[in-house]
Amino acid sequence: LMGAEAMILGIAVVQMAMPVAVNGSLLSMEYGGDAEC
């Protein structure tokens, strides 16, 4: 609906389909979050 260019749209949708970022485990360990979950 925004009229995004085909390549930008494709890349953005594929990026949105990625699994949860690995950074979360690093930050949970560093700042005291639920690293196990």
PDB file of all heavy atoms in Angstrom:
ATOM      1  N   LEU A   1       0.828  -1.209   0.000  1.00  0.00           N
ATOM      2  CA  LEU A   1       0.000   0.000   0.000  1.00  0.00           C
ATOM      3  C   LEU A   1       0.859   1.255   0.000  1.00  0.00           C
ATOM      4  O   LEU A   1       0.462   2.292  -0.546  1.00  0.00           O
ATOM      5  CB  LEU A   1      -0.930  -0.007   1.227  1.00  0.00           C
ATOM      6  CG  LEU A   1      -2.116  -0.979   1.179  1.00  0.00           C
ATOM      7  CD1 LEU A   1      -2.854  -0.982   2.510  1.00  0.00           C
ATOM      8  CD2 LEU A   1      -3.070  -0.598   0.047  1.00  0.00           C
ATOM      9  N   MET A   2       2.051   1.165   0.618  1.00  0.00           N
ATOM     10  CA  MET A   2       2.978   2.297   0.635  1.00  0.00           C
ATOM     11  C   MET A   2       3.654   2.505  -0.712  1.00  0.00           C
ATOM     12  O   MET A   2       4.276   3.542  -0.944  1.00  0.00           O
ATOM     13  CB  MET A   2       4.072   2.075   1.690  1.00  0.00           C
ATOM     14  CG  MET A   2       3.614   2.208   3.131  1.00  0.00           C
ATOM     15  SD  MET A   2       4.975   1.788   4.254  1.00  0.00           S
ATOM     16  CE  MET A   2       6.265   2.924   3.699  1.00  0.00           C
ATOM     17  N   GLY A   3       3.573   1.500  -1.584  1.00  0.00           N
ATOM     18  CA  GLY A   3       4.240   1.583  -2.870  1.00  0.00           C
ATOM     19  C   GLY A   3       5.735   1.346  -2.781  1.00  0.00           C
ATOM     20  O   GLY A   3       6.502   1.888  -3.588  1.00  0.00           O
ATOM     21  N   ALA A   4       6.166   0.530  -1.829  1.00  0.00           N
ATOM     22  CA  ALA A   4       7.594   0.245  -1.652  1.00  0.00           C
ATOM     23  C   ALA A   4       8.148  -0.471  -2.877  1.00  0.00           C
ATOM     24  O   ALA A   4       7.471  -1.295  -3.504  1.00  0.00           O
ATOM     25  CB  ALA A   4       7.819  -0.613  -0.404  1.00  0.00           C
ATOM     26  N   GLU A   5       9.386  -0.130  -3.235  1.00  0.00           N
ATOM     27  CA  GLU A   5      10.069  -0.783  -4.347  1.00  0.00           C
ATOM     28  C   GLU A   5      10.125  -2.292  -4.103  1.00  0.00           C
ATOM     29  O   GLU A   5      10.260  -2.746  -2.968  1.00  0.00           O
ATOM     30  CB  GLU A   5      11.486  -0.217  -4.462  1.00  0.00           C
ATOM     31  CG  GLU A   5      12.307  -0.804  -5.594  1.00  0.00           C
ATOM     32  CD  GLU A   5      13.753  -0.345  -5.542  1.00  0.00           C
ATOM     33  OE1 GLU A   5      14.004   0.769  -5.037  1.00  0.00           O
ATOM     34  OE2 GLU A   5      14.616  -1.118  -5.992  1.00  0.00           O
ATOM     35  N   ALA A   6      10.044  -3.067  -5.178  1.00  0.00           N
ATOM     36  CA  ALA A   6       9.932  -4.524  -5.064  1.00  0.00           C
ATOM     37  C   ALA A   6      11.065  -5.138  -4.253  1.00  0.00           C
ATOM     38  O   ALA A   6      10.832  -5.978  -3.378  1.00  0.00           O
ATOM     39  CB  ALA A   6       9.876  -5.151  -6.451  1.00  0.00           C
ATOM     40  N   MET A   7      12.318  -4.715  -4.533  1.00  0.00           N
ATOM     41  CA  MET A   7      13.437  -5.304  -3.801  1.00  0.00           C
ATOM     42  C   MET A   7      13.402  -4.929  -2.318  1.00  0.00           C
ATOM     43  O   MET A   7      13.613  -5.786  -1.450  1.00  0.00           O
ATOM     44  CB  MET A   7      14.779  -4.888  -4.402  1.00  0.00           C
ATOM     45  CG  MET A   7      15.969  -5.452  -3.625  1.00  0.00           C
ATOM     46  SD  MET A   7      17.584  -5.088  -4.335  1.00  0.00           S
ATOM     47  CE  MET A   7      17.599  -6.230  -5.715  1.00  0.00           C
ATOM     48  N   ILE A   8      13.100  -3.665  -2.031  1.00  0.00           N
ATOM     49  CA  ILE A   8      13.032  -3.238  -0.631  1.00  0.00           C
ATOM     50  C   ILE A   8      11.918  -3.976   0.097  1.00  0.00           C
ATOM     51  O   ILE A   8      12.083  -4.430   1.230  1.00  0.00           O
ATOM     52  CB  ILE A   8      12.824  -1.709  -0.531  1.00  0.00           C
ATOM     53  CG1 ILE A   8      14.018  -0.972  -1.149  1.00  0.00           C
ATOM     54  CG2 ILE A   8      12.636  -1.281   0.914  1.00  0.00           C
ATOM     55  CD1 ILE A   8      13.863   0.529  -1.184  1.00  0.00           C
ATOM     56  N   LEU A   9      10.779  -4.129  -0.571  1.00  0.00           N
ATOM     57  CA  LEU A   9       9.659  -4.871   0.031  1.00  0.00           C
ATOM     58  C   LEU A   9      10.062  -6.307   0.321  1.00  0.00           C
ATOM     59  O   LEU A   9       9.829  -6.831   1.418  1.00  0.00           O
ATOM     60  CB  LEU A   9       8.446  -4.836  -0.898  1.00  0.00           C
ATOM     61  CG  LEU A   9       7.162  -5.502  -0.381  1.00  0.00           C
ATOM     62  CD1 LEU A   9       5.935  -4.790  -0.936  1.00  0.00           C
ATOM     63  CD2 LEU A   9       7.076  -6.994  -0.747  1.00  0.00           C
ATOM     64  N   GLY A  10      10.673  -6.965  -0.677  1.00  0.00           N
ATOM     65  CA  GLY A  10      11.075  -8.357  -0.496  1.00  0.00           C
ATOM     66  C   GLY A  10      12.066  -8.534   0.630  1.00  0.00           C
ATOM     67  O   GLY A  10      11.922  -9.438   1.471  1.00  0.00           O
ATOM     68  N   ILE A  11      13.070  -7.655   0.686  1.00  0.00           N
ATOM     69  CA  ILE A  11      14.079  -7.749   1.741  1.00  0.00           C
ATOM     70  C   ILE A  11      13.451  -7.515   3.108  1.00  0.00           C
ATOM     71  O   ILE A  11      13.723  -8.240   4.072  1.00  0.00           O
ATOM     72  CB  ILE A  11      15.220  -6.745   1.490  1.00  0.00           C
ATOM     73  CG1 ILE A  11      16.004  -7.145   0.244  1.00  0.00           C
ATOM     74  CG2 ILE A  11      16.157  -6.662   2.701  1.00  0.00           C
ATOM     75  CD1 ILE A  11      17.004  -6.115  -0.214  1.00  0.00           C
ATOM     76  N   ALA A  12      12.571  -6.502   3.211  1.00  0.00           N
ATOM     77  CA  ALA A  12      11.942  -6.191   4.498  1.00  0.00           C
ATOM     78  C   ALA A  12      11.081  -7.350   4.990  1.00  0.00           C
ATOM     79  O   ALA A  12      11.120  -7.708   6.180  1.00  0.00           O
ATOM     80  CB  ALA A  12      11.101  -4.923   4.373  1.00  0.00           C
ATOM     81  N   VAL A  13      10.304  -7.962   4.094  1.00  0.00           N
ATOM     82  CA  VAL A  13       9.435  -9.073   4.500  1.00  0.00           C
ATOM     83  C   VAL A  13      10.268 -10.280   4.920  1.00  0.00           C
ATOM     84  O   VAL A  13       9.964 -10.951   5.918  1.00  0.00           O
ATOM     85  CB  VAL A  13       8.465  -9.444   3.360  1.00  0.00           C
ATOM     86  CG1 VAL A  13       7.691 -10.721   3.704  1.00  0.00           C
ATOM     87  CG2 VAL A  13       7.495  -8.299   3.102  1.00  0.00           C
ATOM     88  N   VAL A  14      11.331 -10.559   4.179  1.00  0.00           N
ATOM     89  CA  VAL A  14      12.203 -11.682   4.539  1.00  0.00           C
ATOM     90  C   VAL A  14      12.865 -11.426   5.894  1.00  0.00           C
ATOM     91  O   VAL A  14      12.977 -12.333   6.729  1.00  0.00           O
ATOM     92  CB  VAL A  14      13.266 -11.917   3.444  1.00  0.00           C
ATOM     93  CG1 VAL A  14      14.364 -12.846   3.944  1.00  0.00           C
ATOM     94  CG2 VAL A  14      12.617 -12.504   2.203  1.00  0.00           C
ATOM     95  N   GLN A  15      13.289 -10.171   6.143  1.00  0.00           N
ATOM     96  CA  GLN A  15      13.892  -9.847   7.439  1.00  0.00           C
ATOM     97  C   GLN A  15      12.881 -10.018   8.569  1.00  0.00           C
ATOM     98  O   GLN A  15      13.222 -10.467   9.660  1.00  0.00           O
ATOM     99  CB  GLN A  15      14.416  -8.411   7.428  1.00  0.00           C
ATOM    100  CG  GLN A  15      15.505  -8.119   6.405  1.00  0.00           C
ATOM    101  CD  GLN A  15      16.771  -8.915   6.632  1.00  0.00           C
ATOM    102  OE1 GLN A  15      17.430  -8.786   7.661  1.00  0.00           O
ATOM    103  NE2 GLN A  15      17.113  -9.753   5.683  1.00  0.00           N
ATOM    104  N   MET A  16      11.632  -9.649   8.305  1.00  0.00           N
ATOM    105  CA  MET A  16      10.590  -9.804   9.317  1.00  0.00           C
ATOM    106  C   MET A  16      10.326 -11.275   9.623  1.00  0.00           C
ATOM    107  O   MET A  16       9.862 -11.620  10.717  1.00  0.00           O
ATOM    108  CB  MET A  16       9.291  -9.136   8.839  1.00  0.00           C
ATOM    109  CG  MET A  16       8.161  -9.132   9.860  1.00  0.00           C
ATOM    110  SD  MET A  16       8.541  -8.153  11.336  1.00  0.00           S
ATOM    111  CE  MET A  16       8.127  -6.499  10.753  1.00  0.00           C
ATOM    112  N   ALA A  17      10.642 -12.158   8.685  1.00  0.00           N
ATOM    113  CA  ALA A  17      10.403 -13.589   8.869  1.00  0.00           C
ATOM    114  C   ALA A  17      11.548 -14.296   9.589  1.00  0.00           C
ATOM    115  O   ALA A  17      11.512 -15.517   9.748  1.00  0.00           O
ATOM    116  CB  ALA A  17      10.173 -14.246   7.502  1.00  0.00           C
ATOM    117  N   MET A  18      12.541 -13.537  10.011  1.00  0.00           N
ATOM    118  CA  MET A  18      13.678 -14.145  10.701  1.00  0.00           C
ATOM    119  C   MET A  18      13.306 -14.610  12.119  1.00  0.00           C
ATOM    120  O   MET A  18      12.377 -14.077  12.723  1.00  0.00           O
ATOM    121  CB  MET A  18      14.830 -13.139  10.816  1.00  0.00           C
ATOM    122  CG  MET A  18      15.470 -12.763   9.494  1.00  0.00           C
ATOM    123  SD  MET A  18      16.263 -14.152   8.676  1.00  0.00           S
ATOM    124  CE  MET A  18      15.313 -14.218   7.156  1.00  0.00           C
ATOM    125  N   PRO A  19      14.032 -15.587  12.667  1.00  0.00           N
ATOM    126  CA  PRO A  19      13.787 -16.013  14.048  1.00  0.00           C
ATOM    127  C   PRO A  19      14.222 -14.942  15.050  1.00  0.00           C
ATOM    128  O   PRO A  19      14.732 -13.889  14.668  1.00  0.00           O
ATOM    129  CB  PRO A  19      14.644 -17.276  14.178  1.00  0.00           C
ATOM    130  CG  PRO A  19      15.736 -17.091  13.176  1.00  0.00           C
ATOM    131  CD  PRO A  19      15.099 -16.363  12.022  1.00  0.00           C
ATOM    132  N   VAL A  20      14.002 -15.208  16.319  1.00  0.00           N
ATOM    133  CA  VAL A  20      14.343 -14.247  17.381  1.00  0.00           C
ATOM    134  C   VAL A  20      15.845 -13.971  17.374  1.00  0.00           C
ATOM    135  O   VAL A  20      16.663 -14.879  17.203  1.00  0.00           O
ATOM    136  CB  VAL A  20      13.909 -14.802  18.750  1.00  0.00           C
ATOM    137  CG1 VAL A  20      14.390 -13.889  19.889  1.00  0.00           C
ATOM    138  CG2 VAL A  20      12.394 -14.948  18.796  1.00  0.00           C
ATOM    139  N   ALA A  21      16.207 -12.712  17.573  1.00  0.00           N
ATOM    140  CA  ALA A  21      17.606 -12.296  17.516  1.00  0.00           C
ATOM    141  C   ALA A  21      18.452 -12.945  18.602  1.00  0.00           C
ATOM    142  O   ALA A  21      18.037 -13.021  19.771  1.00  0.00           O
ATOM    143  CB  ALA A  21      17.708 -10.776  17.632  1.00  0.00           C
ATOM    144  N   VAL A  22      19.634 -13.384  18.215  1.00  0.00           N
ATOM    145  CA  VAL A  22      20.578 -13.981  19.162  1.00  0.00           C
ATOM    146  C   VAL A  22      21.013 -12.961  20.210  1.00  0.00           C
ATOM    147  O   VAL A  22      21.355 -13.315  21.344  1.00  0.00           O
ATOM    148  CB  VAL A  22      21.805 -14.532  18.405  1.00  0.00           C
ATOM    149  CG1 VAL A  22      22.834 -15.096  19.367  1.00  0.00           C
ATOM    150  CG2 VAL A  22      21.375 -15.608  17.418  1.00  0.00           C
ATOM    151  N   ASN A  23      20.973 -11.671  19.849  1.00  0.00           N
ATOM    152  CA  ASN A  23      21.368 -10.616  20.792  1.00  0.00           C
ATOM    153  C   ASN A  23      20.633 -10.728  22.116  1.00  0.00           C
ATOM    154  O   ASN A  23      21.151 -10.340  23.172  1.00  0.00           O
ATOM    155  CB  ASN A  23      21.064  -9.234  20.205  1.00  0.00           C
ATOM    156  CG  ASN A  23      21.809  -8.958  18.929  1.00  0.00           C
ATOM    157  OD1 ASN A  23      22.508  -9.820  18.423  1.00  0.00           O
ATOM    158  ND2 ASN A  23      21.663  -7.754  18.397  1.00  0.00           N
ATOM    159  N   GLY A  24      19.391 -11.227  22.086  1.00  0.00           N
ATOM    160  CA  GLY A  24      18.595 -11.320  23.300  1.00  0.00           C
ATOM    161  C   GLY A  24      19.255 -12.159  24.369  1.00  0.00           C
ATOM    162  O   GLY A  24      19.208 -11.826  25.566  1.00  0.00           O
ATOM    163  N   SER A  25      19.878 -13.263  23.967  1.00  0.00           N
ATOM    164  CA  SER A  25      20.574 -14.115  24.939  1.00  0.00           C
ATOM    165  C   SER A  25      21.778 -13.395  25.528  1.00  0.00           C
ATOM    166  O   SER A  25      22.067 -13.507  26.729  1.00  0.00           O
ATOM    167  CB  SER A  25      21.011 -15.425  24.265  1.00  0.00           C
ATOM    168  OG  SER A  25      19.894 -16.190  23.880  1.00  0.00           O
ATOM    169  N   LEU A  26      22.487 -12.647  24.693  1.00  0.00           N
ATOM    170  CA  LEU A  26      23.641 -11.893  25.175  1.00  0.00           C
ATOM    171  C   LEU A  26      23.212 -10.821  26.165  1.00  0.00           C
ATOM    172  O   LEU A  26      23.830 -10.648  27.226  1.00  0.00           O
ATOM    173  CB  LEU A  26      24.376 -11.246  23.996  1.00  0.00           C
ATOM    174  CG  LEU A  26      24.859 -12.173  22.879  1.00  0.00           C
ATOM    175  CD1 LEU A  26      25.463 -11.363  21.747  1.00  0.00           C
ATOM    176  CD2 LEU A  26      25.860 -13.181  23.405  1.00  0.00           C
ATOM    177  N   LEU A  27      22.142 -10.095  25.835  1.00  0.00           N
ATOM    178  CA  LEU A  27      21.665  -9.017  26.703  1.00  0.00           C
ATOM    179  C   LEU A  27      21.062  -9.560  27.992  1.00  0.00           C
ATOM    180  O   LEU A  27      21.201  -8.948  29.056  1.00  0.00           O
ATOM    181  CB  LEU A  27      20.634  -8.170  25.954  1.00  0.00           C
ATOM    182  CG  LEU A  27      21.171  -7.369  24.762  1.00  0.00           C
ATOM    183  CD1 LEU A  27      20.028  -6.715  23.993  1.00  0.00           C
ATOM    184  CD2 LEU A  27      22.164  -6.323  25.222  1.00  0.00           C
ATOM    185  N   SER A  28      20.385 -10.703  27.914  1.00  0.00           N
ATOM    186  CA  SER A  28      19.833 -11.316  29.129  1.00  0.00           C
ATOM    187  C   SER A  28      20.948 -11.718  30.082  1.00  0.00           C
ATOM    188  O   SER A  28      20.832 -11.532  31.309  1.00  0.00           O
ATOM    189  CB  SER A  28      18.984 -12.540  28.763  1.00  0.00           C
ATOM    190  OG  SER A  28      17.849 -12.173  28.017  1.00  0.00           O
ATOM    191  N   MET A  29      22.016 -12.250  29.537  1.00  0.00           N
ATOM    192  CA  MET A  29      23.166 -12.619  30.358  1.00  0.00           C
ATOM    193  C   MET A  29      23.818 -11.376  30.961  1.00  0.00           C
ATOM    194  O   MET A  29      24.205 -11.354  32.131  1.00  0.00           O
ATOM    195  CB  MET A  29      24.180 -13.382  29.512  1.00  0.00           C
ATOM    196  CG  MET A  29      25.466 -13.768  30.227  1.00  0.00           C
ATOM    197  SD  MET A  29      25.257 -15.125  31.404  1.00  0.00           S
ATOM    198  CE  MET A  29      25.116 -16.521  30.292  1.00  0.00           C
ATOM    199  N   GLU A  30      23.915 -10.313  30.177  1.00  0.00           N
ATOM    200  CA  GLU A  30      24.613  -9.095  30.612  1.00  0.00           C
ATOM    201  C   GLU A  30      23.814  -8.302  31.636  1.00  0.00           C
ATOM    202  O   GLU A  30      24.379  -7.783  32.603  1.00  0.00           O
ATOM    203  CB  GLU A  30      24.892  -8.219  29.383  1.00  0.00           C
ATOM    204  CG  GLU A  30      25.644  -6.933  29.679  1.00  0.00           C
ATOM    205  CD  GLU A  30      27.115  -7.157  29.976  1.00  0.00           C
ATOM    206  OE1 GLU A  30      27.607  -8.284  29.784  1.00  0.00           O
ATOM    207  OE2 GLU A  30      27.758  -6.201  30.417  1.00  0.00           O
ATOM    208  N   TYR A  31      22.480  -8.213  31.454  1.00  0.00           N
ATOM    209  CA  TYR A  31      21.684  -7.305  32.284  1.00  0.00           C
ATOM    210  C   TYR A  31      20.718  -8.008  33.242  1.00  0.00           C
ATOM    211  O   TYR A  31      19.937  -7.344  33.925  1.00  0.00           O
ATOM    212  CB  TYR A  31      20.896  -6.341  31.390  1.00  0.00           C
ATOM    213  CG  TYR A  31      21.795  -5.445  30.578  1.00  0.00           C
ATOM    214  CD1 TYR A  31      21.882  -5.584  29.191  1.00  0.00           C
ATOM    215  CD2 TYR A  31      22.576  -4.463  31.184  1.00  0.00           C
ATOM    216  CE1 TYR A  31      22.715  -4.771  28.434  1.00  0.00           C
ATOM    217  CE2 TYR A  31      23.413  -3.648  30.436  1.00  0.00           C
ATOM    218  CZ  TYR A  31      23.473  -3.812  29.065  1.00  0.00           C
ATOM    219  OH  TYR A  31      24.300  -2.999  28.332  1.00  0.00           O
ATOM    220  N   GLY A  32      20.752  -9.333  33.290  1.00  0.00           N
ATOM    221  CA  GLY A  32      19.960 -10.038  34.289  1.00  0.00           C
ATOM    222  C   GLY A  32      18.554 -10.408  33.871  1.00  0.00           C
ATOM    223  O   GLY A  32      17.668 -10.534  34.714  1.00  0.00           O
ATOM    224  N   GLY A  33      18.314 -10.596  32.575  1.00  0.00           N
ATOM    225  CA  GLY A  33      17.010 -11.056  32.111  1.00  0.00           C
ATOM    226  C   GLY A  33      16.892 -12.569  32.242  1.00  0.00           C
ATOM    227  O   GLY A  33      17.782 -13.249  32.773  1.00  0.00           O
ATOM    228  N   ASP A  34      15.783 -13.123  31.759  1.00  0.00           N
ATOM    229  CA  ASP A  34      15.560 -14.572  31.817  1.00  0.00           C
ATOM    230  C   ASP A  34      16.326 -15.234  30.671  1.00  0.00           C
ATOM    231  O   ASP A  34      15.774 -15.497  29.595  1.00  0.00           O
ATOM    232  CB  ASP A  34      14.060 -14.868  31.715  1.00  0.00           C
ATOM    233  CG  ASP A  34      13.719 -16.317  32.035  1.00  0.00           C
ATOM    234  OD1 ASP A  34      14.613 -17.183  31.867  1.00  0.00           O
ATOM    235  OD2 ASP A  34      12.578 -16.595  32.433  1.00  0.00           O
ATOM    236  N   ALA A  35      17.612 -15.507  30.909  1.00  0.00           N
ATOM    237  CA  ALA A  35      18.482 -16.040  29.855  1.00  0.00           C
ATOM    238  C   ALA A  35      18.032 -17.430  29.409  1.00  0.00           C
ATOM    239  O   ALA A  35      18.174 -17.787  28.230  1.00  0.00           O
ATOM    240  CB  ALA A  35      19.935 -16.092  30.346  1.00  0.00           C
ATOM    241  N   GLU A  36      17.473 -18.209  30.332  1.00  0.00           N
ATOM    242  CA  GLU A  36      17.028 -19.558  29.981  1.00  0.00           C
ATOM    243  C   GLU A  36      15.872 -19.515  28.995  1.00  0.00           C
ATOM    244  O   GLU A  36      15.886 -20.175  27.949  1.00  0.00           O
ATOM    245  CB  GLU A  36      16.605 -20.305  31.242  1.00  0.00           C
ATOM    246  CG  GLU A  36      16.078 -21.708  30.980  1.00  0.00           C
ATOM    247  CD  GLU A  36      15.682 -22.413  32.271  1.00  0.00           C
ATOM    248  OE1 GLU A  36      16.497 -22.457  33.206  1.00  0.00           O
ATOM    249  OE2 GLU A  36      14.550 -22.932  32.321  1.00  0.00           O
ATOM    250  N   CYS A  37      14.853 -18.709  29.300  1.00  0.00           N
ATOM    251  CA  CYS A  37      13.698 -18.580  28.407  1.00  0.00           C
ATOM    252  C   CYS A  37      14.109 -17.960  27.074  1.00  0.00           C
ATOM    253  O   CYS A  37      13.624 -18.363  26.014  1.00  0.00           O
ATOM    254  CB  CYS A  37      12.622 -17.739  29.078  1.00  0.00           C
ATOM    255  SG  CYS A  37      11.096 -17.580  28.121  1.00  0.00           S
TER     256      CYS A  37
END
